[in-house]
Amino acid sequence: MKTLYENIHQEIIDECRNGSQKAQFQLYKLYYKPMYSVCMRIINNNAEAEDVMQEAFLKAFTKIDSYKGEVSFGAWLKRIVINRSLDYLKKRKVKFEEISDRTKEMSDYQMETKEVNIQVVKDAIQKLPDGYRIVLSLYLIEGYDHEEISNILGISNSNSRTQFLRAKNKLREILKDNEVFSYN
């Protein structure tokens, strides 16, 4: 039997289950910013990310009875936001490069950090092609492993790893142009 997660906002969650719009607005205010950030990292467009995030909240509120408390509410909501974002991209027909199984991992550069401007790095991530950006974001920022990413995106595990490696290399190229890193 799985133990239930103790949410600090359990009272508000329970009120949402009872249909309270005030409680829904409270939860929205609590989770809006982090969920928008997740959406934005995947969608890469302010207006579209806003729309997808709104749809994700609506879906969460209509499906709140399916939340069993086995993970934090934020983790449950984040999964909905990620799935809605990926569904949106599928409708936009974002393609992930298919990589043959013979493709070997590319060599990793040795990097030495100079001064890193976080905004420059964020901007560089947004310049990545959709497939690269999504895998990189899911792995580095959202904390999914390659097996989870392959299941979420419907790609092979090796494809996830290769997309991630190529994303890192492309990101290095972009950052090198901005002279953020120096190579040994």
C-alpha atoms as a PDB file:
ATOM      1  CA  MET A   1       0.000   0.000   0.000  1.00  0.00           C
ATOM      2  CA  LYS A   2       1.329   3.424  -0.927  1.00  0.00           C
ATOM      3  CA  THR A   3       1.536   6.024   1.792  1.00  0.00           C
ATOM      4  CA  LEU A   4      -0.327   9.226   1.200  1.00  0.00           C
ATOM      5  CA  TYR A   5       1.530  12.455   0.732  1.00  0.00           C
ATOM      6  CA  GLU A   6       0.750  15.143   3.294  1.00  0.00           C
ATOM      7  CA  ASN A   7       0.001  18.321   1.362  1.00  0.00           C
ATOM      8  CA  ILE A   8       0.307  21.641   3.164  1.00  0.00           C
ATOM      9  CA  HIS A   9      -2.642  22.826   1.072  1.00  0.00           C
ATOM     10  CA  GLN A  10      -4.824  19.753   1.678  1.00  0.00           C
ATOM     11  CA  GLU A  11      -7.699  21.854   2.972  1.00  0.00           C
ATOM     12  CA  ILE A  12      -7.806  23.855  -0.269  1.00  0.00           C
ATOM     13  CA  ILE A  13      -7.569  20.648  -2.342  1.00  0.00           C
ATOM     14  CA  ASP A  14     -10.512  19.192  -0.417  1.00  0.00           C
ATOM     15  CA  GLU A  15     -12.529  22.369  -1.011  1.00  0.00           C
ATOM     16  CA  CYS A  16     -11.756  22.068  -4.743  1.00  0.00           C
ATOM     17  CA  ARG A  17     -13.129  18.528  -4.662  1.00  0.00           C
ATOM     18  CA  ASN A  18     -16.348  20.037  -3.303  1.00  0.00           C
ATOM     19  CA  GLY A  19     -16.494  22.416  -6.287  1.00  0.00           C
ATOM     20  CA  SER A  20     -15.387  25.624  -4.549  1.00  0.00           C
ATOM     21  CA  GLN A  21     -14.344  28.184  -7.170  1.00  0.00           C
ATOM     22  CA  LYS A  22     -12.667  30.241  -4.454  1.00  0.00           C
ATOM     23  CA  ALA A  23     -10.480  27.238  -3.562  1.00  0.00           C
ATOM     24  CA  GLN A  24      -9.717  26.652  -7.252  1.00  0.00           C
ATOM     25  CA  PHE A  25      -8.552  30.250  -7.565  1.00  0.00           C
ATOM     26  CA  GLN A  26      -6.393  29.839  -4.443  1.00  0.00           C
ATOM     27  CA  LEU A  27      -4.729  26.727  -5.899  1.00  0.00           C
ATOM     28  CA  TYR A  28      -4.281  28.507  -9.206  1.00  0.00           C
ATOM     29  CA  LYS A  29      -2.524  31.415  -7.463  1.00  0.00           C
ATOM     30  CA  LEU A  30      -0.288  28.986  -5.546  1.00  0.00           C
ATOM     31  CA  TYR A  31       0.804  27.005  -8.606  1.00  0.00           C
ATOM     32  CA  TYR A  32       0.459  29.446 -11.529  1.00  0.00           C
ATOM     33  CA  LYS A  33       4.088  30.608 -11.772  1.00  0.00           C
ATOM     34  CA  PRO A  34       5.872  27.243 -11.548  1.00  0.00           C
ATOM     35  CA  MET A  35       3.368  25.585 -13.911  1.00  0.00           C
ATOM     36  CA  TYR A  36       3.668  28.438 -16.403  1.00  0.00           C
ATOM     37  CA  SER A  37       7.457  28.019 -16.303  1.00  0.00           C
ATOM     38  CA  VAL A  38       7.118  24.301 -17.063  1.00  0.00           C
ATOM     39  CA  CYS A  39       4.762  25.084 -19.943  1.00  0.00           C
ATOM     40  CA  MET A  40       6.998  27.807 -21.308  1.00  0.00           C
ATOM     41  CA  ARG A  41      10.086  25.572 -21.302  1.00  0.00           C
ATOM     42  CA  ILE A  42       8.234  23.054 -23.442  1.00  0.00           C
ATOM     43  CA  ILE A  43       6.046  25.281 -25.674  1.00  0.00           C
ATOM     44  CA  ASN A  44       8.492  28.195 -26.090  1.00  0.00           C
ATOM     45  CA  ASN A  45       5.804  30.783 -26.823  1.00  0.00           C
ATOM     46  CA  ASN A  46       4.260  33.057 -24.167  1.00  0.00           C
ATOM     47  CA  ALA A  47       0.678  33.179 -25.434  1.00  0.00           C
ATOM     48  CA  GLU A  48       0.540  29.492 -26.357  1.00  0.00           C
ATOM     49  CA  ALA A  49       2.100  28.460 -23.023  1.00  0.00           C
ATOM     50  CA  GLU A  50      -0.477  30.580 -21.201  1.00  0.00           C
ATOM     51  CA  ASP A  51      -3.336  28.911 -23.103  1.00  0.00           C
ATOM     52  CA  VAL A  52      -1.998  25.398 -22.549  1.00  0.00           C
ATOM     53  CA  MET A  53      -1.427  26.091 -18.862  1.00  0.00           C
ATOM     54  CA  GLN A  54      -5.015  27.348 -18.484  1.00  0.00           C
ATOM     55  CA  GLU A  55      -6.289  24.161 -20.162  1.00  0.00           C
ATOM     56  CA  ALA A  56      -4.124  22.070 -17.837  1.00  0.00           C
ATOM     57  CA  PHE A  57      -5.596  23.767 -14.767  1.00  0.00           C
ATOM     58  CA  LEU A  58      -9.122  23.225 -16.101  1.00  0.00           C
ATOM     59  CA  LYS A  59      -8.351  19.559 -16.660  1.00  0.00           C
ATOM     60  CA  ALA A  60      -6.833  19.268 -13.171  1.00  0.00           C
ATOM     61  CA  PHE A  61      -9.921  20.804 -11.571  1.00  0.00           C
ATOM     62  CA  THR A  62     -12.265  18.487 -13.482  1.00  0.00           C
ATOM     63  CA  LYS A  63     -10.109  15.447 -12.632  1.00  0.00           C
ATOM     64  CA  ILE A  64      -9.234  16.430  -9.052  1.00  0.00           C
ATOM     65  CA  ASP A  65     -11.099  13.398  -7.699  1.00  0.00           C
ATOM     66  CA  SER A  66      -8.487  11.207  -9.412  1.00  0.00           C
ATOM     67  CA  TYR A  67      -5.753  12.791  -7.266  1.00  0.00           C
ATOM     68  CA  LYS A  68      -5.070  10.076  -4.673  1.00  0.00           C
ATOM     69  CA  GLY A  69      -2.350  11.817  -2.653  1.00  0.00           C
ATOM     70  CA  GLU A  70       0.397   9.328  -3.559  1.00  0.00           C
ATOM     71  CA  VAL A  71       2.602  12.238  -4.674  1.00  0.00           C
ATOM     72  CA  SER A  72       2.478  15.922  -3.859  1.00  0.00           C
ATOM     73  CA  PHE A  73      -0.319  17.883  -5.480  1.00  0.00           C
ATOM     74  CA  GLY A  74       2.302  19.980  -7.287  1.00  0.00           C
ATOM     75  CA  ALA A  75       3.878  16.859  -8.820  1.00  0.00           C
ATOM     76  CA  TRP A  76       0.453  15.596  -9.905  1.00  0.00           C
ATOM     77  CA  LEU A  77      -0.415  18.972 -11.444  1.00  0.00           C
ATOM     78  CA  LYS A  78       2.991  19.234 -13.109  1.00  0.00           C
ATOM     79  CA  ARG A  79       2.427  15.892 -14.840  1.00  0.00           C
ATOM     80  CA  ILE A  80      -0.872  17.217 -16.233  1.00  0.00           C
ATOM     81  CA  VAL A  81       0.829  20.430 -17.415  1.00  0.00           C
ATOM     82  CA  ILE A  82       3.640  18.486 -19.112  1.00  0.00           C
ATOM     83  CA  ASN A  83       1.204  16.101 -20.797  1.00  0.00           C
ATOM     84  CA  ARG A  84      -0.997  18.982 -22.036  1.00  0.00           C
ATOM     85  CA  SER A  85       2.107  20.791 -23.341  1.00  0.00           C
ATOM     86  CA  LEU A  86       3.304  17.707 -25.184  1.00  0.00           C
ATOM     87  CA  ASP A  87      -0.189  17.062 -26.592  1.00  0.00           C
ATOM     88  CA  TYR A  88      -0.198  20.634 -27.882  1.00  0.00           C
ATOM     89  CA  LEU A  89       3.175  20.125 -29.580  1.00  0.00           C
ATOM     90  CA  LYS A  90       1.967  16.866 -31.143  1.00  0.00           C
ATOM     91  CA  LYS A  91      -0.976  18.760 -32.632  1.00  0.00           C
ATOM     92  CA  ARG A  92       1.567  21.248 -33.994  1.00  0.00           C
ATOM     93  CA  LYS A  93       3.318  18.191 -35.419  1.00  0.00           C
ATOM     94  CA  VAL A  94       6.656  18.721 -33.696  1.00  0.00           C
ATOM     95  CA  LYS A  95       8.920  15.927 -34.895  1.00  0.00           C
ATOM     96  CA  PHE A  96      11.654  14.225 -32.959  1.00  0.00           C
ATOM     97  CA  GLU A  97      14.537  13.121 -35.099  1.00  0.00           C
ATOM     98  CA  GLU A  98      14.672   9.373 -35.426  1.00  0.00           C
ATOM     99  CA  ILE A  99      18.143   8.179 -34.716  1.00  0.00           C
ATOM    100  CA  SER A 100      19.423   4.797 -35.816  1.00  0.00           C
ATOM    101  CA  ASP A 101      20.558   2.421 -33.097  1.00  0.00           C
ATOM    102  CA  ARG A 102      24.052   2.509 -34.597  1.00  0.00           C
ATOM    103  CA  THR A 103      24.464   6.144 -33.633  1.00  0.00           C
ATOM    104  CA  LYS A 104      27.037   6.362 -30.868  1.00  0.00           C
ATOM    105  CA  GLU A 105      27.053   9.073 -28.269  1.00  0.00           C
ATOM    106  CA  MET A 106      28.911  12.155 -29.375  1.00  0.00           C
ATOM    107  CA  SER A 107      32.006  13.152 -27.490  1.00  0.00           C
ATOM    108  CA  ASP A 108      31.449  15.405 -24.528  1.00  0.00           C
ATOM    109  CA  TYR A 109      33.442  18.615 -24.376  1.00  0.00           C
ATOM    110  CA  GLN A 110      35.374  19.549 -21.278  1.00  0.00           C
ATOM    111  CA  MET A 111      33.966  22.852 -20.200  1.00  0.00           C
ATOM    112  CA  GLU A 112      35.245  25.463 -17.853  1.00  0.00           C
ATOM    113  CA  THR A 113      32.718  27.980 -16.632  1.00  0.00           C
ATOM    114  CA  LYS A 114      33.517  31.644 -16.867  1.00  0.00           C
ATOM    115  CA  GLU A 115      30.893  33.979 -15.526  1.00  0.00           C
ATOM    116  CA  VAL A 116      27.523  32.518 -16.391  1.00  0.00           C
ATOM    117  CA  ASN A 117      24.639  34.839 -17.032  1.00  0.00           C
ATOM    118  CA  ILE A 118      21.562  32.736 -16.260  1.00  0.00           C
ATOM    119  CA  GLN A 119      19.385  34.747 -18.645  1.00  0.00           C
ATOM    120  CA  VAL A 120      21.837  34.083 -21.488  1.00  0.00           C
ATOM    121  CA  VAL A 121      21.594  30.341 -20.764  1.00  0.00           C
ATOM    122  CA  LYS A 122      17.769  30.474 -20.619  1.00  0.00           C
ATOM    123  CA  ASP A 123      17.678  32.390 -23.899  1.00  0.00           C
ATOM    124  CA  ALA A 124      20.060  29.868 -25.470  1.00  0.00           C
ATOM    125  CA  ILE A 125      17.829  26.961 -24.385  1.00  0.00           C
ATOM    126  CA  GLN A 126      14.849  28.682 -26.034  1.00  0.00           C
ATOM    127  CA  LYS A 127      16.828  28.828 -29.306  1.00  0.00           C
ATOM    128  CA  LEU A 128      17.176  25.041 -29.442  1.00  0.00           C
ATOM    129  CA  PRO A 129      15.022  23.115 -31.935  1.00  0.00           C
ATOM    130  CA  ASP A 130      11.796  21.869 -30.297  1.00  0.00           C
ATOM    131  CA  GLY A 131      12.850  18.216 -29.955  1.00  0.00           C
ATOM    132  CA  TYR A 132      16.186  19.103 -28.374  1.00  0.00           C
ATOM    133  CA  ARG A 133      14.669  21.732 -26.056  1.00  0.00           C
ATOM    134  CA  ILE A 134      11.923  19.419 -24.838  1.00  0.00           C
ATOM    135  CA  VAL A 135      14.210  16.487 -24.030  1.00  0.00           C
ATOM    136  CA  LEU A 136      16.777  18.795 -22.396  1.00  0.00           C
ATOM    137  CA  SER A 137      14.083  20.486 -20.296  1.00  0.00           C
ATOM    138  CA  LEU A 138      12.427  17.231 -19.251  1.00  0.00           C
ATOM    139  CA  TYR A 139      15.788  15.730 -18.260  1.00  0.00           C
ATOM    140  CA  LEU A 140      17.668  18.638 -16.666  1.00  0.00           C
ATOM    141  CA  ILE A 141      14.898  20.849 -15.361  1.00  0.00           C
ATOM    142  CA  GLU A 142      11.931  18.561 -14.732  1.00  0.00           C
ATOM    143  CA  GLY A 143      14.088  15.671 -13.469  1.00  0.00           C
ATOM    144  CA  TYR A 144      12.789  12.847 -15.664  1.00  0.00           C
ATOM    145  CA  ASP A 145      15.153  10.033 -16.624  1.00  0.00           C
ATOM    146  CA  HIS A 146      15.546   8.847 -20.227  1.00  0.00           C
ATOM    147  CA  GLU A 147      13.202   5.900 -19.761  1.00  0.00           C
ATOM    148  CA  GLU A 148      10.447   8.218 -18.509  1.00  0.00           C
ATOM    149  CA  ILE A 149      11.122  10.686 -21.333  1.00  0.00           C
ATOM    150  CA  SER A 150      10.971   7.918 -23.939  1.00  0.00           C
ATOM    151  CA  ASN A 151       7.586   6.804 -22.540  1.00  0.00           C
ATOM    152  CA  ILE A 152       6.225  10.366 -22.373  1.00  0.00           C
ATOM    153  CA  LEU A 153       7.326  11.289 -25.902  1.00  0.00           C
ATOM    154  CA  GLY A 154       6.856   7.895 -27.544  1.00  0.00           C
ATOM    155  CA  ILE A 155      10.473   7.658 -28.661  1.00  0.00           C
ATOM    156  CA  SER A 156      13.145   5.055 -27.927  1.00  0.00           C
ATOM    157  CA  ASN A 157      15.381   5.330 -24.883  1.00  0.00           C
ATOM    158  CA  SER A 158      18.450   5.654 -27.127  1.00  0.00           C
ATOM    159  CA  ASN A 159      16.694   8.389 -29.108  1.00  0.00           C
ATOM    160  CA  SER A 160      16.049  10.297 -25.870  1.00  0.00           C
ATOM    161  CA  ARG A 161      19.707  10.006 -24.897  1.00  0.00           C
ATOM    162  CA  THR A 162      20.899  11.071 -28.336  1.00  0.00           C
ATOM    163  CA  GLN A 163      18.470  14.017 -28.459  1.00  0.00           C
ATOM    164  CA  PHE A 164      19.761  15.083 -25.042  1.00  0.00           C
ATOM    165  CA  LEU A 165      23.393  14.788 -26.117  1.00  0.00           C
ATOM    166  CA  ARG A 166      22.748  16.724 -29.314  1.00  0.00           C
ATOM    167  CA  ALA A 167      20.836  19.351 -27.340  1.00  0.00           C
ATOM    168  CA  LYS A 168      23.805  19.794 -24.990  1.00  0.00           C
ATOM    169  CA  ASN A 169      26.186  20.109 -27.921  1.00  0.00           C
ATOM    170  CA  LYS A 170      23.927  22.576 -29.742  1.00  0.00           C
ATOM    171  CA  LEU A 171      23.534  24.551 -26.514  1.00  0.00           C
ATOM    172  CA  ARG A 172      27.325  24.701 -26.193  1.00  0.00           C
ATOM    173  CA  GLU A 173      27.529  26.066 -29.745  1.00  0.00           C
ATOM    174  CA  ILE A 174      25.001  28.762 -28.985  1.00  0.00           C
ATOM    175  CA  LEU A 175      26.685  29.657 -25.713  1.00  0.00           C
ATOM    176  CA  LYS A 176      30.111  29.636 -27.333  1.00  0.00           C
ATOM    177  CA  ASP A 177      28.846  32.278 -29.740  1.00  0.00           C
ATOM    178  CA  ASN A 178      27.913  34.302 -26.655  1.00  0.00           C
ATOM    179  CA  GLU A 179      31.353  33.560 -25.147  1.00  0.00           C
ATOM    180  CA  VAL A 180      29.794  32.123 -21.980  1.00  0.00           C
ATOM    181  CA  PHE A 181      32.091  29.106 -21.894  1.00  0.00           C
ATOM    182  CA  SER A 182      35.657  28.415 -22.835  1.00  0.00           C
ATOM    183  CA  TYR A 183      36.819  24.992 -23.990  1.00  0.00           C
ATOM    184  CA  ASN A 184      39.923  23.176 -22.780  1.00  0.00           C
END
